[in-house]
Amino acid sequence: MSSGSWRPFVYREFYDVPRLVAVSLENGDTIIMDCSFDPELDDYPNAYRVYVCSQFDSGSQESWTTSTISGRFIGTIKVEEISFDPTKRALLNLSTTALAALITGHLGSR
């Protein structure tokens, strides 16, 4: 993965940062990062649960609600370890060390 791998993403929740994020990889898979509100914590968790989905349609509500069920869990990453563009609503850097390791591990397990 090259340095500066900034990719566009779509999201469904936002509180300080995007909380449910989908970003497409070059191989056609979609990485889902879920850090949705946790009623048991009465707060947002401090880490994303990261999944990979081979079929994801960002325009479909069903894809958003079932992606963490149908996707394959590949790990967690702390929210502060993700690099977003200054608006935190358009681009994220896939070469962030922890995220790159998760993605590389996923690609290597295929």
C-alpha atoms as a PDB file:
ATOM      1  CA  MET A   1       0.000   0.000   0.000  1.00  0.00           C
ATOM      2  CA  SER A   2       1.567   3.282  -1.046  1.00  0.00           C
ATOM      3  CA  SER A   3       2.137   6.257   1.192  1.00  0.00           C
ATOM      4  CA  GLY A   4      -0.680   8.744   0.981  1.00  0.00           C
ATOM      5  CA  SER A   5      -3.407   6.273  -0.008  1.00  0.00           C
ATOM      6  CA  TRP A   6      -6.271   8.713   0.460  1.00  0.00           C
ATOM      7  CA  ARG A   7      -9.603   7.188  -0.566  1.00  0.00           C
ATOM      8  CA  PRO A   8     -13.125   8.618  -0.711  1.00  0.00           C
ATOM      9  CA  PHE A   9     -15.615   7.076   1.702  1.00  0.00           C
ATOM     10  CA  VAL A  10     -19.297   7.208   2.552  1.00  0.00           C
ATOM     11  CA  TYR A  11     -20.692   7.241   6.050  1.00  0.00           C
ATOM     12  CA  ARG A  12     -23.981   6.983   7.927  1.00  0.00           C
ATOM     13  CA  GLU A  13     -23.298   8.392  11.399  1.00  0.00           C
ATOM     14  CA  PHE A  14     -21.208  11.334  12.511  1.00  0.00           C
ATOM     15  CA  TYR A  15     -20.297  12.441  16.019  1.00  0.00           C
ATOM     16  CA  ASP A  16     -16.881  14.137  16.143  1.00  0.00           C
ATOM     17  CA  VAL A  17     -15.816  11.681  13.414  1.00  0.00           C
ATOM     18  CA  PRO A  18     -17.665   9.386  11.027  1.00  0.00           C
ATOM     19  CA  ARG A  19     -18.970   6.458  13.075  1.00  0.00           C
ATOM     20  CA  LEU A  20     -20.082   4.040  10.353  1.00  0.00           C
ATOM     21  CA  VAL A  21     -17.775   4.203   7.334  1.00  0.00           C
ATOM     22  CA  ALA A  22     -17.577   2.312   4.033  1.00  0.00           C
ATOM     23  CA  VAL A  23     -14.518   2.603   1.799  1.00  0.00           C
ATOM     24  CA  SER A  24     -13.934   0.656  -1.405  1.00  0.00           C
ATOM     25  CA  LEU A  25     -10.666  -1.108  -2.057  1.00  0.00           C
ATOM     26  CA  GLU A  26      -9.088  -1.445  -5.485  1.00  0.00           C
ATOM     27  CA  ASN A  27      -9.903  -5.179  -5.550  1.00  0.00           C
ATOM     28  CA  GLY A  28     -13.646  -4.444  -5.303  1.00  0.00           C
ATOM     29  CA  ASP A  29     -14.054  -5.326  -1.626  1.00  0.00           C
ATOM     30  CA  THR A  30     -15.436  -2.776   0.817  1.00  0.00           C
ATOM     31  CA  ILE A  31     -13.998  -2.070   4.230  1.00  0.00           C
ATOM     32  CA  ILE A  32     -16.661  -1.247   6.833  1.00  0.00           C
ATOM     33  CA  MET A  33     -15.569   0.530   9.992  1.00  0.00           C
ATOM     34  CA  ASP A  34     -18.253   0.513  12.670  1.00  0.00           C
ATOM     35  CA  CYS A  35     -18.073   2.631  15.796  1.00  0.00           C
ATOM     36  CA  SER A  36     -21.792   3.186  16.290  1.00  0.00           C
ATOM     37  CA  PHE A  37     -23.335   4.407  19.532  1.00  0.00           C
ATOM     38  CA  ASP A  38     -23.324   1.739  22.238  1.00  0.00           C
ATOM     39  CA  PRO A  39     -26.360   2.020  24.536  1.00  0.00           C
ATOM     40  CA  GLU A  40     -24.639  -0.139  27.186  1.00  0.00           C
ATOM     41  CA  LEU A  41     -21.749   2.349  27.350  1.00  0.00           C
ATOM     42  CA  ASP A  42     -24.117   5.281  26.809  1.00  0.00           C
ATOM     43  CA  ASP A  43     -21.369   6.595  24.551  1.00  0.00           C
ATOM     44  CA  TYR A  44     -19.459   5.898  21.362  1.00  0.00           C
ATOM     45  CA  PRO A  45     -16.707   3.255  21.636  1.00  0.00           C
ATOM     46  CA  ASN A  46     -13.096   4.376  21.222  1.00  0.00           C
ATOM     47  CA  ALA A  47     -12.383   1.828  18.472  1.00  0.00           C
ATOM     48  CA  TYR A  48     -13.830   0.840  15.126  1.00  0.00           C
ATOM     49  CA  ARG A  49     -14.743  -2.779  14.494  1.00  0.00           C
ATOM     50  CA  VAL A  50     -13.460  -3.421  10.968  1.00  0.00           C
ATOM     51  CA  TYR A  51     -15.161  -5.767   8.504  1.00  0.00           C
ATOM     52  CA  VAL A  52     -14.619  -6.610   4.864  1.00  0.00           C
ATOM     53  CA  CYS A  53     -17.578  -7.149   2.539  1.00  0.00           C
ATOM     54  CA  SER A  54     -17.311  -8.517  -0.968  1.00  0.00           C
ATOM     55  CA  GLN A  55     -20.689  -7.069  -1.953  1.00  0.00           C
ATOM     56  CA  PHE A  56     -21.756  -3.718  -0.554  1.00  0.00           C
ATOM     57  CA  ASP A  57     -24.151  -1.137  -1.993  1.00  0.00           C
ATOM     58  CA  SER A  58     -23.819   2.191  -0.181  1.00  0.00           C
ATOM     59  CA  GLY A  59     -27.198   3.265  -1.582  1.00  0.00           C
ATOM     60  CA  SER A  60     -28.974   0.328   0.024  1.00  0.00           C
ATOM     61  CA  GLN A  61     -30.142   0.693   3.623  1.00  0.00           C
ATOM     62  CA  GLU A  62     -29.999  -3.090   3.905  1.00  0.00           C
ATOM     63  CA  SER A  63     -26.265  -3.086   3.094  1.00  0.00           C
ATOM     64  CA  TRP A  64     -25.653  -0.632   5.941  1.00  0.00           C
ATOM     65  CA  THR A  65     -27.691  -2.603   8.464  1.00  0.00           C
ATOM     66  CA  THR A  66     -26.360  -6.055   7.567  1.00  0.00           C
ATOM     67  CA  SER A  67     -22.747  -5.268   6.599  1.00  0.00           C
ATOM     68  CA  THR A  68     -21.353  -6.118  10.015  1.00  0.00           C
ATOM     69  CA  ILE A  69     -23.355  -9.352   9.963  1.00  0.00           C
ATOM     70  CA  SER A  70     -22.535 -10.365   6.372  1.00  0.00           C
ATOM     71  CA  GLY A  71     -19.002  -8.965   6.406  1.00  0.00           C
ATOM     72  CA  ARG A  72     -15.981 -10.787   7.743  1.00  0.00           C
ATOM     73  CA  PHE A  73     -14.567  -9.257  10.921  1.00  0.00           C
ATOM     74  CA  ILE A  74     -10.851  -8.504  10.448  1.00  0.00           C
ATOM     75  CA  GLY A  75     -10.006  -6.571  13.610  1.00  0.00           C
ATOM     76  CA  THR A  76     -10.309  -3.345  15.551  1.00  0.00           C
ATOM     77  CA  ILE A  77      -8.558  -0.004  15.257  1.00  0.00           C
ATOM     78  CA  LYS A  78      -8.688   2.945  17.638  1.00  0.00           C
ATOM     79  CA  VAL A  79     -10.607   5.936  16.358  1.00  0.00           C
ATOM     80  CA  GLU A  80      -7.635   8.259  16.876  1.00  0.00           C
ATOM     81  CA  GLU A  81      -5.467   6.039  14.652  1.00  0.00           C
ATOM     82  CA  ILE A  82      -7.547   6.836  11.558  1.00  0.00           C
ATOM     83  CA  SER A  83      -6.444   9.801   9.440  1.00  0.00           C
ATOM     84  CA  PHE A  84      -9.328  11.698   7.866  1.00  0.00           C
ATOM     85  CA  ASP A  85      -9.181  14.756   5.634  1.00  0.00           C
ATOM     86  CA  PRO A  86      -9.663  18.103   7.477  1.00  0.00           C
ATOM     87  CA  THR A  87     -13.460  17.952   7.029  1.00  0.00           C
ATOM     88  CA  LYS A  88     -13.572  14.348   8.292  1.00  0.00           C
ATOM     89  CA  ARG A  89     -16.292  13.728   5.718  1.00  0.00           C
ATOM     90  CA  ALA A  90     -14.604  12.951   2.401  1.00  0.00           C
ATOM     91  CA  LEU A  91     -11.286  11.073   2.477  1.00  0.00           C
ATOM     92  CA  LEU A  92      -9.418   8.687   4.746  1.00  0.00           C
ATOM     93  CA  ASN A  93      -5.858   7.480   4.555  1.00  0.00           C
ATOM     94  CA  LEU A  94      -5.656   3.722   4.025  1.00  0.00           C
ATOM     95  CA  SER A  95      -1.923   3.752   4.693  1.00  0.00           C
ATOM     96  CA  THR A  96      -2.430   4.524   8.388  1.00  0.00           C
ATOM     97  CA  THR A  97      -0.217   1.862   9.983  1.00  0.00           C
ATOM     98  CA  ALA A  98      -2.863  -0.109  11.918  1.00  0.00           C
ATOM     99  CA  LEU A  99      -5.452   0.080   9.150  1.00  0.00           C
ATOM    100  CA  ALA A 100      -2.911  -0.851   6.472  1.00  0.00           C
ATOM    101  CA  ALA A 101      -1.937  -3.907   8.540  1.00  0.00           C
ATOM    102  CA  LEU A 102      -5.574  -5.047   8.767  1.00  0.00           C
ATOM    103  CA  ILE A 103      -6.128  -4.571   5.037  1.00  0.00           C
ATOM    104  CA  THR A 104      -2.840  -6.234   4.097  1.00  0.00           C
ATOM    105  CA  GLY A 105      -3.716  -9.160   6.361  1.00  0.00           C
ATOM    106  CA  HIS A 106      -7.113  -9.456   4.671  1.00  0.00           C
ATOM    107  CA  LEU A 107      -5.629  -9.357   1.178  1.00  0.00           C
ATOM    108  CA  GLY A 108      -3.028 -11.921   2.160  1.00  0.00           C
ATOM    109  CA  SER A 109      -5.687 -14.320   3.494  1.00  0.00           C
ATOM    110  CA  ARG A 110      -7.517 -14.570   0.176  1.00  0.00           C
END
